[in-house]
Amino acid sequence: MRNFTNCLVMLLVLPAVLSCGSGPLEKKYRSQTMWYDIRVGSSAKNDSINHELCRLAVVDNTSRKVKNEDFTYQELIDQGYDLLAKTHPEAYVDSLREVHSKP
């Protein structure tokens, strides 16, 4: 009976443990759910900037004919910071990244 209970517990706990590692921002980009996925994966403090950075990256990738679906939301947000650094001082971009990365 004890082995059955252990097996049952493992079957119930294992999927929960395995799913903990992937947050909403680690999901692949989907244009239909982008706004929702970013909102769920972001805090109220960085929700707006994450949307804008992702949008910048999506527009840039589209203009260069790169598939956005190959990237996760976090990769697109990081790419947005890189694009922002091309038009603003690096210190400004670094300060934004620092302020909005804190919980």
C-alpha atoms as a PDB file:
ATOM      1  CA  MET A   1       0.000   0.000   0.000  1.00  0.00           C
ATOM      2  CA  ARG A   2       2.864   2.343   0.807  1.00  0.00           C
ATOM      3  CA  ASN A   3       4.416   1.860  -2.653  1.00  0.00           C
ATOM      4  CA  PHE A   4       1.083   2.641  -4.266  1.00  0.00           C
ATOM      5  CA  THR A   5       0.799   5.851  -2.219  1.00  0.00           C
ATOM      6  CA  ASN A   6       4.359   6.887  -3.122  1.00  0.00           C
ATOM      7  CA  CYS A   7       3.666   6.227  -6.785  1.00  0.00           C
ATOM      8  CA  LEU A   8       0.448   8.218  -6.667  1.00  0.00           C
ATOM      9  CA  VAL A   9       2.142  11.158  -4.968  1.00  0.00           C
ATOM     10  CA  MET A  10       4.935  11.127  -7.563  1.00  0.00           C
ATOM     11  CA  LEU A  11       2.415  11.136 -10.397  1.00  0.00           C
ATOM     12  CA  LEU A  12       0.653  14.136  -8.893  1.00  0.00           C
ATOM     13  CA  VAL A  13       3.746  16.121  -7.877  1.00  0.00           C
ATOM     14  CA  LEU A  14       6.027  15.500 -10.856  1.00  0.00           C
ATOM     15  CA  PRO A  15       4.013  17.455 -13.460  1.00  0.00           C
ATOM     16  CA  ALA A  16       3.727  20.406 -11.082  1.00  0.00           C
ATOM     17  CA  VAL A  17       7.471  20.427 -10.438  1.00  0.00           C
ATOM     18  CA  LEU A  18       8.321  20.185 -14.129  1.00  0.00           C
ATOM     19  CA  SER A  19       5.999  23.023 -15.096  1.00  0.00           C
ATOM     20  CA  CYS A  20       7.449  25.441 -12.533  1.00  0.00           C
ATOM     21  CA  GLY A  21      10.497  26.228 -14.642  1.00  0.00           C
ATOM     22  CA  SER A  22       8.711  27.886 -17.525  1.00  0.00           C
ATOM     23  CA  GLY A  23       7.164  31.262 -16.871  1.00  0.00           C
ATOM     24  CA  PRO A  24       4.883  33.150 -19.230  1.00  0.00           C
ATOM     25  CA  LEU A  25       7.784  35.198 -20.624  1.00  0.00           C
ATOM     26  CA  GLU A  26       9.615  31.993 -21.593  1.00  0.00           C
ATOM     27  CA  LYS A  27       6.810  30.978 -23.935  1.00  0.00           C
ATOM     28  CA  LYS A  28       7.260  31.388 -27.680  1.00  0.00           C
ATOM     29  CA  TYR A  29       5.793  34.524 -29.215  1.00  0.00           C
ATOM     30  CA  ARG A  30       2.214  34.347 -30.502  1.00  0.00           C
ATOM     31  CA  SER A  31       0.684  37.505 -31.918  1.00  0.00           C
ATOM     32  CA  GLN A  32      -2.818  36.482 -30.787  1.00  0.00           C
ATOM     33  CA  THR A  33      -1.858  36.194 -27.113  1.00  0.00           C
ATOM     34  CA  MET A  34       1.122  38.559 -26.842  1.00  0.00           C
ATOM     35  CA  TRP A  35      -0.594  41.227 -24.731  1.00  0.00           C
ATOM     36  CA  TYR A  36      -2.075  38.709 -22.324  1.00  0.00           C
ATOM     37  CA  ASP A  37       1.089  36.592 -22.001  1.00  0.00           C
ATOM     38  CA  ILE A  38       3.256  39.627 -21.262  1.00  0.00           C
ATOM     39  CA  ARG A  39       0.745  40.988 -18.753  1.00  0.00           C
ATOM     40  CA  VAL A  40       0.650  37.648 -16.910  1.00  0.00           C
ATOM     41  CA  GLY A  41       4.458  37.351 -16.933  1.00  0.00           C
ATOM     42  CA  SER A  42       5.132  40.914 -15.848  1.00  0.00           C
ATOM     43  CA  SER A  43       4.582  42.829 -12.668  1.00  0.00           C
ATOM     44  CA  ALA A  44       2.410  45.936 -12.629  1.00  0.00           C
ATOM     45  CA  LYS A  45       5.610  47.951 -12.469  1.00  0.00           C
ATOM     46  CA  ASN A  46       7.149  46.662 -15.721  1.00  0.00           C
ATOM     47  CA  ASP A  47       4.077  45.581 -17.690  1.00  0.00           C
ATOM     48  CA  SER A  48       3.963  48.672 -19.937  1.00  0.00           C
ATOM     49  CA  ILE A  49       7.651  48.759 -20.742  1.00  0.00           C
ATOM     50  CA  ASN A  50       7.718  45.024 -21.488  1.00  0.00           C
ATOM     51  CA  HIS A  51       4.865  45.489 -23.966  1.00  0.00           C
ATOM     52  CA  GLU A  52       6.623  48.386 -25.647  1.00  0.00           C
ATOM     53  CA  LEU A  53      10.005  46.641 -25.844  1.00  0.00           C
ATOM     54  CA  CYS A  54       8.398  43.516 -27.271  1.00  0.00           C
ATOM     55  CA  ARG A  55       6.503  45.636 -29.799  1.00  0.00           C
ATOM     56  CA  LEU A  56       9.740  47.349 -30.883  1.00  0.00           C
ATOM     57  CA  ALA A  57      11.409  43.979 -31.437  1.00  0.00           C
ATOM     58  CA  VAL A  58       8.423  42.573 -33.327  1.00  0.00           C
ATOM     59  CA  VAL A  59       8.326  45.568 -35.672  1.00  0.00           C
ATOM     60  CA  ASP A  60      12.078  45.366 -36.252  1.00  0.00           C
ATOM     61  CA  ASN A  61      11.974  41.625 -36.919  1.00  0.00           C
ATOM     62  CA  THR A  62       9.024  42.008 -39.268  1.00  0.00           C
ATOM     63  CA  SER A  63      10.834  44.690 -41.263  1.00  0.00           C
ATOM     64  CA  ARG A  64      13.847  42.371 -41.584  1.00  0.00           C
ATOM     65  CA  LYS A  65      11.573  39.394 -42.443  1.00  0.00           C
ATOM     66  CA  VAL A  66      12.598  37.461 -39.324  1.00  0.00           C
ATOM     67  CA  LYS A  67       9.981  35.146 -37.806  1.00  0.00           C
ATOM     68  CA  ASN A  68       8.972  36.411 -34.377  1.00  0.00           C
ATOM     69  CA  GLU A  69       7.589  32.977 -33.513  1.00  0.00           C
ATOM     70  CA  ASP A  70      11.180  31.734 -33.202  1.00  0.00           C
ATOM     71  CA  PHE A  71      11.686  33.908 -30.092  1.00  0.00           C
ATOM     72  CA  THR A  72      10.387  33.822 -26.537  1.00  0.00           C
ATOM     73  CA  TYR A  73       8.827  36.928 -25.058  1.00  0.00           C
ATOM     74  CA  GLN A  74      11.884  37.427 -22.851  1.00  0.00           C
ATOM     75  CA  GLU A  75      14.179  37.281 -25.896  1.00  0.00           C
ATOM     76  CA  LEU A  76      12.009  39.860 -27.660  1.00  0.00           C
ATOM     77  CA  ILE A  77      12.084  42.110 -24.584  1.00  0.00           C
ATOM     78  CA  ASP A  78      15.890  41.844 -24.456  1.00  0.00           C
ATOM     79  CA  GLN A  79      16.027  42.627 -28.175  1.00  0.00           C
ATOM     80  CA  GLY A  80      13.830  45.658 -27.470  1.00  0.00           C
ATOM     81  CA  TYR A  81      16.366  46.911 -24.932  1.00  0.00           C
ATOM     82  CA  ASP A  82      19.092  46.503 -27.573  1.00  0.00           C
ATOM     83  CA  LEU A  83      17.039  48.482 -30.083  1.00  0.00           C
ATOM     84  CA  LEU A  84      16.393  51.182 -27.493  1.00  0.00           C
ATOM     85  CA  ALA A  85      20.139  51.413 -26.882  1.00  0.00           C
ATOM     86  CA  LYS A  86      20.630  52.357 -30.552  1.00  0.00           C
ATOM     87  CA  THR A  87      18.559  55.526 -30.132  1.00  0.00           C
ATOM     88  CA  HIS A  88      19.197  56.451 -26.487  1.00  0.00           C
ATOM     89  CA  PRO A  89      22.283  56.729 -24.273  1.00  0.00           C
ATOM     90  CA  GLU A  90      23.431  53.395 -22.866  1.00  0.00           C
ATOM     91  CA  ALA A  91      23.201  54.733 -19.304  1.00  0.00           C
ATOM     92  CA  TYR A  92      19.492  55.434 -19.851  1.00  0.00           C
ATOM     93  CA  VAL A  93      18.831  51.937 -21.143  1.00  0.00           C
ATOM     94  CA  ASP A  94      20.840  50.360 -18.308  1.00  0.00           C
ATOM     95  CA  SER A  95      18.903  52.370 -15.723  1.00  0.00           C
ATOM     96  CA  LEU A  96      15.581  51.286 -17.263  1.00  0.00           C
ATOM     97  CA  ARG A  97      16.680  47.675 -17.274  1.00  0.00           C
ATOM     98  CA  GLU A  98      17.784  47.896 -13.641  1.00  0.00           C
ATOM     99  CA  VAL A  99      14.654  49.643 -12.393  1.00  0.00           C
ATOM    100  CA  HIS A 100      12.219  47.400 -14.245  1.00  0.00           C
ATOM    101  CA  SER A 101      13.975  44.108 -13.560  1.00  0.00           C
ATOM    102  CA  LYS A 102      13.557  44.430  -9.788  1.00  0.00           C
ATOM    103  CA  PRO A 103      10.453  42.727  -8.359  1.00  0.00           C
END
